[in-house]
Amino acid sequence: MQENLLSTREAALYLGVSEAFLERDRWVGARVQYIKIGSRAVRYRLQDLENYIQSCICKPTSYTDRK
């Protein structure tokens, strides 16, 4: 199974954030999972970007559970 790997620039475009956001994220603990290839190349899997998006979904503060 072959997966397409996205560069930092491509991942930033996909998420609608800056490249600097992803670079900072890697420094502070990587909420967005990434793959490091060799000593310098950083790549992102599409599924990891989708997982990050899902983890950012918030409920409205006025949400109440009705039965």
PDB file of N, CA and C in Angstrom:
ATOM      1  N   MET A   1       0.841  -1.178   0.000  1.00  0.00           N
ATOM      2  CA  MET A   1       0.000   0.000   0.000  1.00  0.00           C
ATOM      3  C   MET A   1       0.887   1.243   0.000  1.00  0.00           C
ATOM      4  N   GLN A   2       0.665   2.095  -0.958  1.00  0.00           N
ATOM      5  CA  GLN A   2       1.471   3.310  -1.061  1.00  0.00           C
ATOM      6  C   GLN A   2       0.627   4.513  -0.671  1.00  0.00           C
ATOM      7  N   GLU A   3       1.163   5.332   0.217  1.00  0.00           N
ATOM      8  CA  GLU A   3       0.472   6.544   0.644  1.00  0.00           C
ATOM      9  C   GLU A   3       1.192   7.745   0.080  1.00  0.00           C
ATOM     10  N   ASN A   4       0.432   8.752  -0.276  1.00  0.00           N
ATOM     11  CA  ASN A   4       1.048  10.000  -0.707  1.00  0.00           C
ATOM     12  C   ASN A   4       1.461  10.786   0.532  1.00  0.00           C
ATOM     13  N   LEU A   5       2.676  11.254   0.520  1.00  0.00           N
ATOM     14  CA  LEU A   5       3.181  12.064   1.619  1.00  0.00           C
ATOM     15  C   LEU A   5       3.228  13.511   1.173  1.00  0.00           C
ATOM     16  N   LEU A   6       2.780  14.398   2.034  1.00  0.00           N
ATOM     17  CA  LEU A   6       2.736  15.824   1.723  1.00  0.00           C
ATOM     18  C   LEU A   6       3.895  16.549   2.390  1.00  0.00           C
ATOM     19  N   SER A   7       4.419  17.523   1.704  1.00  0.00           N
ATOM     20  CA  SER A   7       5.459  18.378   2.282  1.00  0.00           C
ATOM     21  C   SER A   7       4.812  19.316   3.301  1.00  0.00           C
ATOM     22  N   THR A   8       5.635  20.036   4.037  1.00  0.00           N
ATOM     23  CA  THR A   8       5.106  21.004   5.007  1.00  0.00           C
ATOM     24  C   THR A   8       4.262  22.040   4.289  1.00  0.00           C
ATOM     25  N   ARG A   9       4.696  22.511   3.159  1.00  0.00           N
ATOM     26  CA  ARG A   9       3.947  23.515   2.391  1.00  0.00           C
ATOM     27  C   ARG A   9       2.581  22.956   1.965  1.00  0.00           C
ATOM     28  N   GLU A  10       2.579  21.738   1.440  1.00  0.00           N
ATOM     29  CA  GLU A  10       1.325  21.127   0.993  1.00  0.00           C
ATOM     30  C   GLU A  10       0.377  20.872   2.166  1.00  0.00           C
ATOM     31  N   ALA A  11       0.925  20.411   3.286  1.00  0.00           N
ATOM     32  CA  ALA A  11       0.112  20.165   4.473  1.00  0.00           C
ATOM     33  C   ALA A  11      -0.472  21.467   5.001  1.00  0.00           C
ATOM     34  N   ALA A  12       0.311  22.523   5.003  1.00  0.00           N
ATOM     35  CA  ALA A  12      -0.173  23.827   5.458  1.00  0.00           C
ATOM     36  C   ALA A  12      -1.319  24.312   4.570  1.00  0.00           C
ATOM     37  N   LEU A  13      -1.171  24.165   3.272  1.00  0.00           N
ATOM     38  CA  LEU A  13      -2.244  24.554   2.351  1.00  0.00           C
ATOM     39  C   LEU A  13      -3.501  23.728   2.611  1.00  0.00           C
ATOM     40  N   TYR A  14      -3.344  22.450   2.824  1.00  0.00           N
ATOM     41  CA  TYR A  14      -4.473  21.554   3.069  1.00  0.00           C
ATOM     42  C   TYR A  14      -5.229  21.972   4.336  1.00  0.00           C
ATOM     43  N   LEU A  15      -4.479  22.311   5.389  1.00  0.00           N
ATOM     44  CA  LEU A  15      -5.088  22.686   6.665  1.00  0.00           C
ATOM     45  C   LEU A  15      -5.526  24.144   6.719  1.00  0.00           C
ATOM     46  N   GLY A  16      -5.018  24.943   5.800  1.00  0.00           N
ATOM     47  CA  GLY A  16      -5.335  26.373   5.827  1.00  0.00           C
ATOM     48  C   GLY A  16      -4.578  27.124   6.903  1.00  0.00           C
ATOM     49  N   VAL A  17      -3.366  26.678   7.179  1.00  0.00           N
ATOM     50  CA  VAL A  17      -2.505  27.331   8.175  1.00  0.00           C
ATOM     51  C   VAL A  17      -1.182  27.684   7.506  1.00  0.00           C
ATOM     52  N   SER A  18      -0.342  28.400   8.224  1.00  0.00           N
ATOM     53  CA  SER A  18       0.963  28.754   7.672  1.00  0.00           C
ATOM     54  C   SER A  18       1.955  27.606   7.876  1.00  0.00           C
ATOM     55  N   GLU A  19       3.006  27.627   7.082  1.00  0.00           N
ATOM     56  CA  GLU A  19       4.083  26.654   7.280  1.00  0.00           C
ATOM     57  C   GLU A  19       4.696  26.842   8.660  1.00  0.00           C
ATOM     58  N   ALA A  20       4.787  28.093   9.107  1.00  0.00           N
ATOM     59  CA  ALA A  20       5.355  28.384  10.422  1.00  0.00           C
ATOM     60  C   ALA A  20       4.538  27.724  11.534  1.00  0.00           C
ATOM     61  N   PHE A  21       3.212  27.651  11.369  1.00  0.00           N
ATOM     62  CA  PHE A  21       2.366  26.971  12.355  1.00  0.00           C
ATOM     63  C   PHE A  21       2.802  25.521  12.516  1.00  0.00           C
ATOM     64  N   LEU A  22       2.999  24.834  11.396  1.00  0.00           N
ATOM     65  CA  LEU A  22       3.405  23.427  11.457  1.00  0.00           C
ATOM     66  C   LEU A  22       4.819  23.276  12.005  1.00  0.00           C
ATOM     67  N   GLU A  23       5.703  24.190  11.654  1.00  0.00           N
ATOM     68  CA  GLU A  23       7.072  24.139  12.186  1.00  0.00           C
ATOM     69  C   GLU A  23       7.068  24.340  13.700  1.00  0.00           C
ATOM     70  N   ARG A  24       6.294  25.307  14.179  1.00  0.00           N
ATOM     71  CA  ARG A  24       6.192  25.535  15.632  1.00  0.00           C
ATOM     72  C   ARG A  24       5.565  24.326  16.316  1.00  0.00           C
ATOM     73  N   ASP A  25       4.556  23.748  15.672  1.00  0.00           N
ATOM     74  CA  ASP A  25       3.885  22.586  16.251  1.00  0.00           C
ATOM     75  C   ASP A  25       4.868  21.438  16.464  1.00  0.00           C
ATOM     76  N   ARG A  26       5.769  21.244  15.522  1.00  0.00           N
ATOM     77  CA  ARG A  26       6.771  20.176  15.684  1.00  0.00           C
ATOM     78  C   ARG A  26       7.677  20.454  16.875  1.00  0.00           C
ATOM     79  N   TRP A  27       7.973  21.720  17.135  1.00  0.00           N
ATOM     80  CA  TRP A  27       8.858  22.079  18.253  1.00  0.00           C
ATOM     81  C   TRP A  27       8.178  21.903  19.605  1.00  0.00           C
ATOM     82  N   VAL A  28       6.866  22.127  19.672  1.00  0.00           N
ATOM     83  CA  VAL A  28       6.187  22.123  20.972  1.00  0.00           C
ATOM     84  C   VAL A  28       5.471  20.830  21.305  1.00  0.00           C
ATOM     85  N   GLY A  29       5.594  19.813  20.489  1.00  0.00           N
ATOM     86  CA  GLY A  29       5.003  18.544  20.867  1.00  0.00           C
ATOM     87  C   GLY A  29       4.168  17.851  19.813  1.00  0.00           C
ATOM     88  N   ALA A  30       4.066  18.398  18.657  1.00  0.00           N
ATOM     89  CA  ALA A  30       3.448  17.744  17.496  1.00  0.00           C
ATOM     90  C   ALA A  30       2.021  17.280  17.726  1.00  0.00           C
ATOM     91  N   ARG A  31       1.092  18.238  17.772  1.00  0.00           N
ATOM     92  CA  ARG A  31      -0.324  17.870  17.757  1.00  0.00           C
ATOM     93  C   ARG A  31      -0.681  17.271  16.403  1.00  0.00           C
ATOM     94  N   VAL A  32       0.004  17.763  15.354  1.00  0.00           N
ATOM     95  CA  VAL A  32      -0.175  17.212  14.004  1.00  0.00           C
ATOM     96  C   VAL A  32       0.957  16.208  13.794  1.00  0.00           C
ATOM     97  N   GLN A  33       0.603  14.934  13.688  1.00  0.00           N
ATOM     98  CA  GLN A  33       1.637  13.912  13.518  1.00  0.00           C
ATOM     99  C   GLN A  33       2.344  14.095  12.183  1.00  0.00           C
ATOM    100  N   TYR A  34       3.631  13.777  12.181  1.00  0.00           N
ATOM    101  CA  TYR A  34       4.436  13.901  10.968  1.00  0.00           C
ATOM    102  C   TYR A  34       5.428  12.755  10.892  1.00  0.00           C
ATOM    103  N   ILE A  35       6.046  12.630   9.736  1.00  0.00           N
ATOM    104  CA  ILE A  35       7.055  11.594   9.497  1.00  0.00           C
ATOM    105  C   ILE A  35       8.365  12.298   9.175  1.00  0.00           C
ATOM    106  N   LYS A  36       9.433  11.878   9.802  1.00  0.00           N
ATOM    107  CA  LYS A  36      10.738  12.449   9.505  1.00  0.00           C
ATOM    108  C   LYS A  36      11.524  11.432   8.693  1.00  0.00           C
ATOM    109  N   ILE A  37      11.924  11.837   7.518  1.00  0.00           N
ATOM    110  CA  ILE A  37      12.662  10.960   6.616  1.00  0.00           C
ATOM    111  C   ILE A  37      14.092  11.480   6.537  1.00  0.00           C
ATOM    112  N   GLY A  38      15.032  10.659   6.929  1.00  0.00           N
ATOM    113  CA  GLY A  38      16.420  11.110   6.967  1.00  0.00           C
ATOM    114  C   GLY A  38      16.588  12.124   8.084  1.00  0.00           C
ATOM    115  N   SER A  39      17.547  13.003   7.927  1.00  0.00           N
ATOM    116  CA  SER A  39      17.816  13.977   8.987  1.00  0.00           C
ATOM    117  C   SER A  39      17.050  15.285   8.819  1.00  0.00           C
ATOM    118  N   ARG A  40      16.461  15.529   7.638  1.00  0.00           N
ATOM    119  CA  ARG A  40      15.834  16.829   7.417  1.00  0.00           C
ATOM    120  C   ARG A  40      14.426  16.794   6.837  1.00  0.00           C
ATOM    121  N   ALA A  41      14.112  15.805   6.039  1.00  0.00           N
ATOM    122  CA  ALA A  41      12.830  15.804   5.331  1.00  0.00           C
ATOM    123  C   ALA A  41      11.671  15.490   6.281  1.00  0.00           C
ATOM    124  N   VAL A  42      10.663  16.346   6.272  1.00  0.00           N
ATOM    125  CA  VAL A  42       9.456  16.161   7.078  1.00  0.00           C
ATOM    126  C   VAL A  42       8.290  15.999   6.111  1.00  0.00           C
ATOM    127  N   ARG A  43       7.471  14.985   6.353  1.00  0.00           N
ATOM    128  CA  ARG A  43       6.314  14.729   5.511  1.00  0.00           C
ATOM    129  C   ARG A  43       5.106  14.432   6.387  1.00  0.00           C
ATOM    130  N   TYR A  44       3.941  14.671   5.813  1.00  0.00           N
ATOM    131  CA  TYR A  44       2.676  14.450   6.511  1.00  0.00           C
ATOM    132  C   TYR A  44       1.816  13.494   5.706  1.00  0.00           C
ATOM    133  N   ARG A  45       1.167  12.567   6.408  1.00  0.00           N
ATOM    134  CA  ARG A  45       0.203  11.680   5.759  1.00  0.00           C
ATOM    135  C   ARG A  45      -1.166  12.358   5.801  1.00  0.00           C
ATOM    136  N   LEU A  46      -1.924  12.201   4.746  1.00  0.00           N
ATOM    137  CA  LEU A  46      -3.255  12.786   4.664  1.00  0.00           C
ATOM    138  C   LEU A  46      -4.127  12.318   5.822  1.00  0.00           C
ATOM    139  N   GLN A  47      -4.051  11.050   6.180  1.00  0.00           N
ATOM    140  CA  GLN A  47      -4.864  10.529   7.278  1.00  0.00           C
ATOM    141  C   GLN A  47      -4.525  11.214   8.601  1.00  0.00           C
ATOM    142  N   ASP A  48      -3.248  11.513   8.824  1.00  0.00           N
ATOM    143  CA  ASP A  48      -2.859  12.222  10.049  1.00  0.00           C
ATOM    144  C   ASP A  48      -3.413  13.642  10.070  1.00  0.00           C
ATOM    145  N   LEU A  49      -3.462  14.284   8.907  1.00  0.00           N
ATOM    146  CA  LEU A  49      -4.051  15.633   8.829  1.00  0.00           C
ATOM    147  C   LEU A  49      -5.546  15.565   9.114  1.00  0.00           C
ATOM    148  N   GLU A  50      -6.214  14.555   8.578  1.00  0.00           N
ATOM    149  CA  GLU A  50      -7.645  14.368   8.836  1.00  0.00           C
ATOM    150  C   GLU A  50      -7.895  14.100  10.323  1.00  0.00           C
ATOM    151  N   ASN A  51      -7.044  13.292  10.935  1.00  0.00           N
ATOM    152  CA  ASN A  51      -7.175  13.012  12.374  1.00  0.00           C
ATOM    153  C   ASN A  51      -7.009  14.290  13.192  1.00  0.00           C
ATOM    154  N   TYR A  52      -6.074  15.142  12.800  1.00  0.00           N
ATOM    155  CA  TYR A  52      -5.869  16.410  13.499  1.00  0.00           C
ATOM    156  C   TYR A  52      -7.120  17.283  13.386  1.00  0.00           C
ATOM    157  N   ILE A  53      -7.682  17.352  12.177  1.00  0.00           N
ATOM    158  CA  ILE A  53      -8.896  18.146  11.973  1.00  0.00           C
ATOM    159  C   ILE A  53     -10.005  17.635  12.894  1.00  0.00           C
ATOM    160  N   GLN A  54     -10.189  16.323  12.949  1.00  0.00           N
ATOM    161  CA  GLN A  54     -11.225  15.744  13.810  1.00  0.00           C
ATOM    162  C   GLN A  54     -10.987  16.071  15.285  1.00  0.00           C
ATOM    163  N   SER A  55      -9.732  16.114  15.695  1.00  0.00           N
ATOM    164  CA  SER A  55      -9.418  16.396  17.094  1.00  0.00           C
ATOM    165  C   SER A  55      -9.689  17.853  17.465  1.00  0.00           C
ATOM    166  N   CYS A  56      -9.862  18.707  16.472  1.00  0.00           N
ATOM    167  CA  CYS A  56     -10.097  20.132  16.722  1.00  0.00           C
ATOM    168  C   CYS A  56     -11.576  20.499  16.796  1.00  0.00           C
ATOM    169  N   ILE A  57     -12.449  19.537  16.544  1.00  0.00           N
ATOM    170  CA  ILE A  57     -13.881  19.830  16.571  1.00  0.00           C
ATOM    171  C   ILE A  57     -14.308  20.106  18.003  1.00  0.00           C
ATOM    172  N   CYS A  58     -14.981  21.230  18.194  1.00  0.00           N
ATOM    173  CA  CYS A  58     -15.433  21.649  19.529  1.00  0.00           C
ATOM    174  C   CYS A  58     -16.951  21.704  19.567  1.00  0.00           C
ATOM    175  N   LYS A  59     -17.498  21.366  20.721  1.00  0.00           N
ATOM    176  CA  LYS A  59     -18.927  21.527  20.934  1.00  0.00           C
ATOM    177  C   LYS A  59     -19.181  22.973  21.318  1.00  0.00           C
ATOM    178  N   PRO A  60     -20.306  23.531  20.898  1.00  0.00           N
ATOM    179  CA  PRO A  60     -20.651  24.879  21.353  1.00  0.00           C
ATOM    180  C   PRO A  60     -20.805  24.895  22.870  1.00  0.00           C
ATOM    181  N   THR A  61     -20.450  25.986  23.497  1.00  0.00           N
ATOM    182  CA  THR A  61     -20.528  26.058  24.962  1.00  0.00           C
ATOM    183  C   THR A  61     -21.971  26.005  25.455  1.00  0.00           C
ATOM    184  N   SER A  62     -22.927  26.342  24.619  1.00  0.00           N
ATOM    185  CA  SER A  62     -24.326  26.300  25.037  1.00  0.00           C
ATOM    186  C   SER A  62     -24.982  24.952  24.760  1.00  0.00           C
ATOM    187  N   TYR A  63     -24.170  23.964  24.337  1.00  0.00           N
ATOM    188  CA  TYR A  63     -24.685  22.636  24.024  1.00  0.00           C
ATOM    189  C   TYR A  63     -25.236  21.971  25.293  1.00  0.00           C
ATOM    190  N   THR A  64     -26.462  21.472  25.192  1.00  0.00           N
ATOM    191  CA  THR A  64     -27.031  20.710  26.300  1.00  0.00           C
ATOM    192  C   THR A  64     -27.517  19.382  25.772  1.00  0.00           C
ATOM    193  N   ASP A  65     -27.366  18.384  26.574  1.00  0.00           N
ATOM    194  CA  ASP A  65     -27.774  17.038  26.199  1.00  0.00           C
ATOM    195  C   ASP A  65     -29.251  16.879  26.506  1.00  0.00           C
ATOM    196  N   ARG A  66     -30.043  16.685  25.474  1.00  0.00           N
ATOM    197  CA  ARG A  66     -31.492  16.516  25.692  1.00  0.00           C
ATOM    198  C   ARG A  66     -31.870  15.068  25.473  1.00  0.00           C
ATOM    199  N   LYS A  67     -32.712  14.575  26.349  1.00  0.00           N
ATOM    200  CA  LYS A  67     -33.169  13.188  26.232  1.00  0.00           C
ATOM    201  C   LYS A  67     -34.636  13.143  25.930  1.00  0.00           C
TER     202      LYS A  67
END
